[in-house]
Structure formats: structure tokens, C-alpha cells
Amino acid sequence: MNLLHNNLLVTEDTSTEKKTAGGIILQSDQTSGHKPAIILGVSNAVAVEYADTLSLKKKVYLDWSKSMPVEIDGLKCAIVDIEHVKLVL
């Protein structure tokens, strides 16, 4: 997989989801625009420019409305330009 330009591949961070004993996922008070993401891939341009800040498996907050949903190997992901990342944890 080769991401082009200034793009990241992310997936929604589900580690904060709460489930009932029966396995039902409870919705939090956050909207999808405020849920964190986990970085799965970075383009070469981003890797060079943000080498000290971004790496795989880092948690980020981004503007989900600016992302492009994709499915890779059955995993729901999104491609987003680095300019739409607002916070890196």
C-alpha cells in the first residue's frame, strides 16, 4: 500500500467503546466528528515532514467530514489529508 501526497490511512479508535454483558455497543455522547482515530499508514511526504510527531498506531483527532471512507481487507478505514488532523496524542 502506498499513500500519495499528504495522506494518512486511519481507522476509528474503538478502544473507548462501552459494551453491555451481551455485547451490545453503547453509543457515547461523542459524535463521529469527535471520535479518535488510529494511524494505520502514512505517505512518504508525511513520514518525512512529521517524523518526530506521527507514527503508526498513534491516536489522532481529525475532521472526519473531510475524510474518504475506504475498506481494506474488511476493515473500515478512512484516508485523510494531514491538514485535517487536529491533535496527535
PDB file of N, CA and C in Angstrom:
ATOM      1  N   MET A   1       0.840  -1.168   0.000  1.00  0.00           N
ATOM      2  CA  MET A   1       0.000   0.000   0.000  1.00  0.00           C
ATOM      3  C   MET A   1       0.888   1.235   0.000  1.00  0.00           C
ATOM      4  N   ASN A   2       0.635   2.139  -0.907  1.00  0.00           N
ATOM      5  CA  ASN A   2       1.373   3.394  -0.991  1.00  0.00           C
ATOM      6  C   ASN A   2       0.392   4.546  -0.973  1.00  0.00           C
ATOM      7  N   LEU A   3       0.390   5.302   0.106  1.00  0.00           N
ATOM      8  CA  LEU A   3      -0.432   6.506   0.178  1.00  0.00           C
ATOM      9  C   LEU A   3       0.278   7.623  -0.577  1.00  0.00           C
ATOM     10  N   LEU A   4      -0.486   8.431  -1.277  1.00  0.00           N
ATOM     11  CA  LEU A   4       0.087   9.505  -2.071  1.00  0.00           C
ATOM     12  C   LEU A   4      -0.072  10.847  -1.380  1.00  0.00           C
ATOM     13  N   HIS A   5       0.721  11.798  -1.791  1.00  0.00           N
ATOM     14  CA  HIS A   5       0.651  13.194  -1.356  1.00  0.00           C
ATOM     15  C   HIS A   5       0.788  13.312   0.164  1.00  0.00           C
ATOM     16  N   ASN A   6      -0.113  14.022   0.806  1.00  0.00           N
ATOM     17  CA  ASN A   6      -0.036  14.277   2.254  1.00  0.00           C
ATOM     18  C   ASN A   6      -1.103  13.505   3.009  1.00  0.00           C
ATOM     19  N   ASN A   7      -1.309  12.257   2.670  1.00  0.00           N
ATOM     20  CA  ASN A   7      -2.417  11.493   3.233  1.00  0.00           C
ATOM     21  C   ASN A   7      -2.007  10.513   4.323  1.00  0.00           C
ATOM     22  N   LEU A   8      -2.976  10.252   5.187  1.00  0.00           N
ATOM     23  CA  LEU A   8      -2.874   9.237   6.226  1.00  0.00           C
ATOM     24  C   LEU A   8      -3.982   8.230   6.021  1.00  0.00           C
ATOM     25  N   LEU A   9      -3.752   7.003   6.415  1.00  0.00           N
ATOM     26  CA  LEU A   9      -4.791   5.988   6.486  1.00  0.00           C
ATOM     27  C   LEU A   9      -5.080   5.778   7.961  1.00  0.00           C
ATOM     28  N   VAL A  10      -6.340   5.938   8.346  1.00  0.00           N
ATOM     29  CA  VAL A  10      -6.724   5.818   9.753  1.00  0.00           C
ATOM     30  C   VAL A  10      -7.933   4.904   9.883  1.00  0.00           C
ATOM     31  N   THR A  11      -8.149   4.435  11.097  1.00  0.00           N
ATOM     32  CA  THR A  11      -9.365   3.717  11.424  1.00  0.00           C
ATOM     33  C   THR A  11      -9.874   4.261  12.745  1.00  0.00           C
ATOM     34  N   GLU A  12     -11.165   4.171  12.942  1.00  0.00           N
ATOM     35  CA  GLU A  12     -11.751   4.688  14.172  1.00  0.00           C
ATOM     36  C   GLU A  12     -11.216   3.916  15.370  1.00  0.00           C
ATOM     37  N   ASP A  13     -10.866   4.625  16.414  1.00  0.00           N
ATOM     38  CA  ASP A  13     -10.382   4.000  17.647  1.00  0.00           C
ATOM     39  C   ASP A  13     -11.591   3.483  18.414  1.00  0.00           C
ATOM     40  N   THR A  14     -11.708   2.182  18.503  1.00  0.00           N
ATOM     41  CA  THR A  14     -12.851   1.577  19.197  1.00  0.00           C
ATOM     42  C   THR A  14     -12.502   1.165  20.611  1.00  0.00           C
ATOM     43  N   SER A  15     -11.321   1.492  21.083  1.00  0.00           N
ATOM     44  CA  SER A  15     -10.920   1.073  22.424  1.00  0.00           C
ATOM     45  C   SER A  15     -11.727   1.768  23.514  1.00  0.00           C
ATOM     46  N   THR A  16     -12.414   2.854  23.172  1.00  0.00           N
ATOM     47  CA  THR A  16     -13.193   3.574  24.172  1.00  0.00           C
ATOM     48  C   THR A  16     -14.671   3.197  24.151  1.00  0.00           C
ATOM     49  N   GLU A  17     -15.061   2.271  23.259  1.00  0.00           N
ATOM     50  CA  GLU A  17     -16.460   1.846  23.207  1.00  0.00           C
ATOM     51  C   GLU A  17     -16.827   1.055  24.452  1.00  0.00           C
ATOM     52  N   LYS A  18     -18.030   1.270  24.910  1.00  0.00           N
ATOM     53  CA  LYS A  18     -18.526   0.512  26.054  1.00  0.00           C
ATOM     54  C   LYS A  18     -19.538  -0.498  25.537  1.00  0.00           C
ATOM     55  N   LYS A  19     -19.448  -1.725  26.068  1.00  0.00           N
ATOM     56  CA  LYS A  19     -20.354  -2.794  25.655  1.00  0.00           C
ATOM     57  C   LYS A  19     -21.084  -3.341  26.867  1.00  0.00           C
ATOM     58  N   THR A  20     -22.307  -3.801  26.610  1.00  0.00           N
ATOM     59  CA  THR A  20     -23.059  -4.473  27.654  1.00  0.00           C
ATOM     60  C   THR A  20     -22.540  -5.897  27.782  1.00  0.00           C
ATOM     61  N   ALA A  21     -22.991  -6.616  28.813  1.00  0.00           N
ATOM     62  CA  ALA A  21     -22.574  -8.010  29.005  1.00  0.00           C
ATOM     63  C   ALA A  21     -22.943  -8.862  27.799  1.00  0.00           C
ATOM     64  N   GLY A  22     -24.018  -8.486  27.092  1.00  0.00           N
ATOM     65  CA  GLY A  22     -24.452  -9.225  25.909  1.00  0.00           C
ATOM     66  C   GLY A  22     -23.717  -8.833  24.639  1.00  0.00           C
ATOM     67  N   GLY A  23     -22.796  -7.857  24.727  1.00  0.00           N
ATOM     68  CA  GLY A  23     -22.006  -7.476  23.567  1.00  0.00           C
ATOM     69  C   GLY A  23     -22.558  -6.321  22.759  1.00  0.00           C
ATOM     70  N   ILE A  24     -23.631  -5.665  23.245  1.00  0.00           N
ATOM     71  CA  ILE A  24     -24.200  -4.533  22.530  1.00  0.00           C
ATOM     72  C   ILE A  24     -23.328  -3.308  22.781  1.00  0.00           C
ATOM     73  N   ILE A  25     -22.951  -2.625  21.696  1.00  0.00           N
ATOM     74  CA  ILE A  25     -22.116  -1.428  21.821  1.00  0.00           C
ATOM     75  C   ILE A  25     -23.008  -0.253  22.195  1.00  0.00           C
ATOM     76  N   LEU A  26     -22.656   0.408  23.287  1.00  0.00           N
ATOM     77  CA  LEU A  26     -23.396   1.579  23.741  1.00  0.00           C
ATOM     78  C   LEU A  26     -22.824   2.821  23.081  1.00  0.00           C
ATOM     79  N   GLN A  27     -23.694   3.683  22.604  1.00  0.00           N
ATOM     80  CA  GLN A  27     -23.248   4.924  21.993  1.00  0.00           C
ATOM     81  C   GLN A  27     -22.802   5.890  23.074  1.00  0.00           C
ATOM     82  N   SER A  28     -21.686   6.541  22.844  1.00  0.00           N
ATOM     83  CA  SER A  28     -21.221   7.556  23.788  1.00  0.00           C
ATOM     84  C   SER A  28     -21.851   8.883  23.403  1.00  0.00           C
ATOM     85  N   ASP A  29     -21.558   9.899  24.179  1.00  0.00           N
ATOM     86  CA  ASP A  29     -22.107  11.208  23.876  1.00  0.00           C
ATOM     87  C   ASP A  29     -21.311  11.925  22.799  1.00  0.00           C
ATOM     88  N   GLN A  30     -20.260  11.297  22.283  1.00  0.00           N
ATOM     89  CA  GLN A  30     -19.466  11.896  21.224  1.00  0.00           C
ATOM     90  C   GLN A  30     -20.116  11.637  19.876  1.00  0.00           C
ATOM     91  N   THR A  31     -20.031  12.623  19.001  1.00  0.00           N
ATOM     92  CA  THR A  31     -20.472  12.417  17.629  1.00  0.00           C
ATOM     93  C   THR A  31     -19.304  11.860  16.844  1.00  0.00           C
ATOM     94  N   SER A  32     -19.572  11.361  15.643  1.00  0.00           N
ATOM     95  CA  SER A  32     -18.490  10.758  14.866  1.00  0.00           C
ATOM     96  C   SER A  32     -17.400  11.768  14.548  1.00  0.00           C
ATOM     97  N   GLY A  33     -17.711  13.047  14.541  1.00  0.00           N
ATOM     98  CA  GLY A  33     -16.714  14.066  14.268  1.00  0.00           C
ATOM     99  C   GLY A  33     -15.723  14.252  15.394  1.00  0.00           C
ATOM    100  N   HIS A  34     -15.983  13.666  16.555  1.00  0.00           N
ATOM    101  CA  HIS A  34     -15.110  13.859  17.699  1.00  0.00           C
ATOM    102  C   HIS A  34     -14.456  12.567  18.174  1.00  0.00           C
ATOM    103  N   LYS A  35     -14.657  11.489  17.469  1.00  0.00           N
ATOM    104  CA  LYS A  35     -14.054  10.219  17.873  1.00  0.00           C
ATOM    105  C   LYS A  35     -12.606  10.168  17.421  1.00  0.00           C
ATOM    106  N   PRO A  36     -11.749   9.604  18.245  1.00  0.00           N
ATOM    107  CA  PRO A  36     -10.339   9.500  17.846  1.00  0.00           C
ATOM    108  C   PRO A  36     -10.132   8.439  16.775  1.00  0.00           C
ATOM    109  N   ALA A  37      -8.986   8.529  16.129  1.00  0.00           N
ATOM    110  CA  ALA A  37      -8.596   7.566  15.097  1.00  0.00           C
ATOM    111  C   ALA A  37      -7.208   7.039  15.423  1.00  0.00           C
ATOM    112  N   ILE A  38      -6.901   5.882  14.863  1.00  0.00           N
ATOM    113  CA  ILE A  38      -5.585   5.272  14.984  1.00  0.00           C
ATOM    114  C   ILE A  38      -4.935   5.284  13.594  1.00  0.00           C
ATOM    115  N   ILE A  39      -3.680   5.714  13.532  1.00  0.00           N
ATOM    116  CA  ILE A  39      -2.967   5.783  12.255  1.00  0.00           C
ATOM    117  C   ILE A  39      -2.540   4.381  11.830  1.00  0.00           C
ATOM    118  N   LEU A  40      -2.926   4.002  10.618  1.00  0.00           N
ATOM    119  CA  LEU A  40      -2.545   2.708  10.048  1.00  0.00           C
ATOM    120  C   LEU A  40      -1.468   2.844   8.982  1.00  0.00           C
ATOM    121  N   GLY A  41      -1.380   4.027   8.378  1.00  0.00           N
ATOM    122  CA  GLY A  41      -0.398   4.239   7.326  1.00  0.00           C
ATOM    123  C   GLY A  41      -0.185   5.714   7.068  1.00  0.00           C
ATOM    124  N   VAL A  42       1.007   6.055   6.599  1.00  0.00           N
ATOM    125  CA  VAL A  42       1.323   7.444   6.260  1.00  0.00           C
ATOM    126  C   VAL A  42       2.026   7.481   4.910  1.00  0.00           C
ATOM    127  N   SER A  43       1.800   8.560   4.176  1.00  0.00           N
ATOM    128  CA  SER A  43       2.502   8.719   2.900  1.00  0.00           C
ATOM    129  C   SER A  43       3.959   9.069   3.169  1.00  0.00           C
ATOM    130  N   ASN A  44       4.800   8.906   2.168  1.00  0.00           N
ATOM    131  CA  ASN A  44       6.214   9.239   2.316  1.00  0.00           C
ATOM    132  C   ASN A  44       6.410  10.703   2.664  1.00  0.00           C
ATOM    133  N   ALA A  45       5.631  11.585   2.036  1.00  0.00           N
ATOM    134  CA  ALA A  45       5.754  13.022   2.292  1.00  0.00           C
ATOM    135  C   ALA A  45       5.448  13.348   3.751  1.00  0.00           C
ATOM    136  N   VAL A  46       4.416  12.745   4.298  1.00  0.00           N
ATOM    137  CA  VAL A  46       4.051  12.977   5.698  1.00  0.00           C
ATOM    138  C   VAL A  46       5.089  12.357   6.622  1.00  0.00           C
ATOM    139  N   ALA A  47       5.561  11.174   6.292  1.00  0.00           N
ATOM    140  CA  ALA A  47       6.555  10.495   7.132  1.00  0.00           C
ATOM    141  C   ALA A  47       7.822  11.326   7.270  1.00  0.00           C
ATOM    142  N   VAL A  48       8.239  11.978   6.204  1.00  0.00           N
ATOM    143  CA  VAL A  48       9.447  12.803   6.245  1.00  0.00           C
ATOM    144  C   VAL A  48       9.202  14.088   7.028  1.00  0.00           C
ATOM    145  N   GLU A  49       8.114  14.780   6.705  1.00  0.00           N
ATOM    146  CA  GLU A  49       7.860  16.090   7.325  1.00  0.00           C
ATOM    147  C   GLU A  49       7.488  15.985   8.807  1.00  0.00           C
ATOM    148  N   TYR A  50       6.787  14.919   9.184  1.00  0.00           N
ATOM    149  CA  TYR A  50       6.303  14.787  10.563  1.00  0.00           C
ATOM    150  C   TYR A  50       6.934  13.591  11.276  1.00  0.00           C
ATOM    151  N   ALA A  51       8.167  13.293  10.967  1.00  0.00           N
ATOM    152  CA  ALA A  51       8.850  12.115  11.516  1.00  0.00           C
ATOM    153  C   ALA A  51       8.875  12.113  13.043  1.00  0.00           C
ATOM    154  N   ASP A  52       8.988  13.270  13.658  1.00  0.00           N
ATOM    155  CA  ASP A  52       9.057  13.348  15.115  1.00  0.00           C
ATOM    156  C   ASP A  52       7.684  13.300  15.782  1.00  0.00           C
ATOM    157  N   THR A  53       6.612  13.482  15.013  1.00  0.00           N
ATOM    158  CA  THR A  53       5.268  13.595  15.577  1.00  0.00           C
ATOM    159  C   THR A  53       4.375  12.407  15.265  1.00  0.00           C
ATOM    160  N   LEU A  54       4.366  11.980  14.027  1.00  0.00           N
ATOM    161  CA  LEU A  54       3.433  10.937  13.592  1.00  0.00           C
ATOM    162  C   LEU A  54       4.130   9.604  13.406  1.00  0.00           C
ATOM    163  N   SER A  55       3.453   8.562  13.835  1.00  0.00           N
ATOM    164  CA  SER A  55       3.922   7.205  13.578  1.00  0.00           C
ATOM    165  C   SER A  55       2.717   6.271  13.585  1.00  0.00           C
ATOM    166  N   LEU A  56       2.928   5.072  13.124  1.00  0.00           N
ATOM    167  CA  LEU A  56       1.844   4.101  13.084  1.00  0.00           C
ATOM    168  C   LEU A  56       1.338   3.827  14.497  1.00  0.00           C
ATOM    169  N   LYS A  57       0.053   3.597  14.600  1.00  0.00           N
ATOM    170  CA  LYS A  57      -0.657   3.274  15.840  1.00  0.00           C
ATOM    171  C   LYS A  57      -0.805   4.445  16.805  1.00  0.00           C
ATOM    172  N   LYS A  58      -0.407   5.653  16.376  1.00  0.00           N
ATOM    173  CA  LYS A  58      -0.640   6.846  17.193  1.00  0.00           C
ATOM    174  C   LYS A  58      -2.123   7.188  17.133  1.00  0.00           C
ATOM    175  N   LYS A  59      -2.627   7.749  18.218  1.00  0.00           N
ATOM    176  CA  LYS A  59      -4.016   8.193  18.272  1.00  0.00           C
ATOM    177  C   LYS A  59      -4.069   9.656  17.851  1.00  0.00           C
ATOM    178  N   VAL A  60      -5.021   9.985  16.970  1.00  0.00           N
ATOM    179  CA  VAL A  60      -5.196  11.353  16.491  1.00  0.00           C
ATOM    180  C   VAL A  60      -6.672  11.729  16.504  1.00  0.00           C
ATOM    181  N   TYR A  61      -6.912  13.014  16.559  1.00  0.00           N
ATOM    182  CA  TYR A  61      -8.262  13.543  16.359  1.00  0.00           C
ATOM    183  C   TYR A  61      -8.232  14.303  15.047  1.00  0.00           C
ATOM    184  N   LEU A  62      -9.279  14.130  14.246  1.00  0.00           N
ATOM    185  CA  LEU A  62      -9.303  14.737  12.929  1.00  0.00           C
ATOM    186  C   LEU A  62     -10.712  15.172  12.562  1.00  0.00           C
ATOM    187  N   ASP A  63     -10.810  15.886  11.473  1.00  0.00           N
ATOM    188  CA  ASP A  63     -12.103  16.308  10.938  1.00  0.00           C
ATOM    189  C   ASP A  63     -12.612  15.176  10.051  1.00  0.00           C
ATOM    190  N   TRP A  64     -13.463  14.308  10.626  1.00  0.00           N
ATOM    191  CA  TRP A  64     -13.955  13.136   9.906  1.00  0.00           C
ATOM    192  C   TRP A  64     -14.729  13.506   8.648  1.00  0.00           C
ATOM    193  N   SER A  65     -15.341  14.689   8.630  1.00  0.00           N
ATOM    194  CA  SER A  65     -16.132  15.085   7.454  1.00  0.00           C
ATOM    195  C   SER A  65     -15.245  15.311   6.232  1.00  0.00           C
ATOM    196  N   LYS A  66     -13.953  15.471   6.433  1.00  0.00           N
ATOM    197  CA  LYS A  66     -13.014  15.685   5.328  1.00  0.00           C
ATOM    198  C   LYS A  66     -12.311  14.399   4.905  1.00  0.00           C
ATOM    199  N   SER A  67     -12.692  13.275   5.484  1.00  0.00           N
ATOM    200  CA  SER A  67     -12.036  12.008   5.166  1.00  0.00           C
ATOM    201  C   SER A  67     -12.783  11.251   4.074  1.00  0.00           C
ATOM    202  N   MET A  68     -12.081  10.322   3.431  1.00  0.00           N
ATOM    203  CA  MET A  68     -12.675   9.475   2.394  1.00  0.00           C
ATOM    204  C   MET A  68     -12.746   8.046   2.935  1.00  0.00           C
ATOM    205  N   PRO A  69     -13.954   7.548   3.196  1.00  0.00           N
ATOM    206  CA  PRO A  69     -14.086   6.184   3.717  1.00  0.00           C
ATOM    207  C   PRO A  69     -13.633   5.143   2.692  1.00  0.00           C
ATOM    208  N   VAL A  70     -12.902   4.133   3.178  1.00  0.00           N
ATOM    209  CA  VAL A  70     -12.469   3.006   2.355  1.00  0.00           C
ATOM    210  C   VAL A  70     -12.521   1.749   3.215  1.00  0.00           C
ATOM    211  N   GLU A  71     -12.561   0.604   2.568  1.00  0.00           N
ATOM    212  CA  GLU A  71     -12.487  -0.664   3.289  1.00  0.00           C
ATOM    213  C   GLU A  71     -11.292  -1.434   2.764  1.00  0.00           C
ATOM    214  N   ILE A  72     -10.402  -1.832   3.677  1.00  0.00           N
ATOM    215  CA  ILE A  72      -9.194  -2.556   3.299  1.00  0.00           C
ATOM    216  C   ILE A  72      -9.156  -3.858   4.085  1.00  0.00           C
ATOM    217  N   ASP A  73      -9.165  -4.961   3.376  1.00  0.00           N
ATOM    218  CA  ASP A  73      -9.154  -6.288   3.997  1.00  0.00           C
ATOM    219  C   ASP A  73     -10.250  -6.433   5.049  1.00  0.00           C
ATOM    220  N   GLY A  74     -11.425  -5.883   4.751  1.00  0.00           N
ATOM    221  CA  GLY A  74     -12.572  -5.991   5.647  1.00  0.00           C
ATOM    222  C   GLY A  74     -12.593  -4.999   6.796  1.00  0.00           C
ATOM    223  N   LEU A  75     -11.586  -4.153   6.903  1.00  0.00           N
ATOM    224  CA  LEU A  75     -11.510  -3.155   7.974  1.00  0.00           C
ATOM    225  C   LEU A  75     -11.965  -1.806   7.439  1.00  0.00           C
ATOM    226  N   LYS A  76     -12.902  -1.176   8.145  1.00  0.00           N
ATOM    227  CA  LYS A  76     -13.376   0.148   7.749  1.00  0.00           C
ATOM    228  C   LYS A  76     -12.325   1.177   8.128  1.00  0.00           C
ATOM    229  N   CYS A  77     -11.854   1.904   7.126  1.00  0.00           N
ATOM    230  CA  CYS A  77     -10.786   2.881   7.296  1.00  0.00           C
ATOM    231  C   CYS A  77     -11.199   4.192   6.638  1.00  0.00           C
ATOM    232  N   ALA A  78     -10.303   5.150   6.692  1.00  0.00           N
ATOM    233  CA  ALA A  78     -10.517   6.417   6.010  1.00  0.00           C
ATOM    234  C   ALA A  78      -9.163   6.976   5.591  1.00  0.00           C
ATOM    235  N   ILE A  79      -9.163   7.668   4.465  1.00  0.00           N
ATOM    236  CA  ILE A  79      -7.982   8.386   4.005  1.00  0.00           C
ATOM    237  C   ILE A  79      -8.245   9.860   4.270  1.00  0.00           C
ATOM    238  N   VAL A  80      -7.277  10.510   4.891  1.00  0.00           N
ATOM    239  CA  VAL A  80      -7.452  11.930   5.239  1.00  0.00           C
ATOM    240  C   VAL A  80      -6.143  12.671   4.999  1.00  0.00           C
ATOM    241  N   ASP A  81      -6.253  13.890   4.521  1.00  0.00           N
ATOM    242  CA  ASP A  81      -5.092  14.751   4.335  1.00  0.00           C
ATOM    243  C   ASP A  81      -4.591  15.207   5.698  1.00  0.00           C
ATOM    244  N   ILE A  82      -3.295  15.318   5.849  1.00  0.00           N
ATOM    245  CA  ILE A  82      -2.676  15.701   7.107  1.00  0.00           C
ATOM    246  C   ILE A  82      -3.225  17.031   7.627  1.00  0.00           C
ATOM    247  N   GLU A  83      -3.655  17.917   6.744  1.00  0.00           N
ATOM    248  CA  GLU A  83      -4.155  19.217   7.188  1.00  0.00           C
ATOM    249  C   GLU A  83      -5.446  19.101   8.011  1.00  0.00           C
ATOM    250  N   HIS A  84      -6.116  17.962   7.936  1.00  0.00           N
ATOM    251  CA  HIS A  84      -7.360  17.782   8.678  1.00  0.00           C
ATOM    252  C   HIS A  84      -7.152  17.079  10.012  1.00  0.00           C
ATOM    253  N   VAL A  85      -5.916  16.767  10.346  1.00  0.00           N
ATOM    254  CA  VAL A  85      -5.587  16.221  11.668  1.00  0.00           C
ATOM    255  C   VAL A  85      -5.428  17.395  12.608  1.00  0.00           C
ATOM    256  N   LYS A  86      -6.152  17.355  13.716  1.00  0.00           N
ATOM    257  CA  LYS A  86      -6.157  18.492  14.639  1.00  0.00           C
ATOM    258  C   LYS A  86      -5.321  18.253  15.890  1.00  0.00           C
ATOM    259  N   LEU A  87      -5.118  16.988  16.283  1.00  0.00           N
ATOM    260  CA  LEU A  87      -4.404  16.690  17.508  1.00  0.00           C
ATOM    261  C   LEU A  87      -3.774  15.309  17.415  1.00  0.00           C
ATOM    262  N   VAL A  88      -2.526  15.191  17.865  1.00  0.00           N
ATOM    263  CA  VAL A  88      -1.839  13.910  17.925  1.00  0.00           C
ATOM    264  C   VAL A  88      -1.563  13.633  19.389  1.00  0.00           C
ATOM    265  N   LEU A  89      -1.966  12.450  19.863  1.00  0.00           N
ATOM    266  CA  LEU A  89      -1.727  12.094  21.264  1.00  0.00           C
ATOM    267  C   LEU A  89      -0.536  11.172  21.390  1.00  0.00           C
TER     268      LEU A  89
END
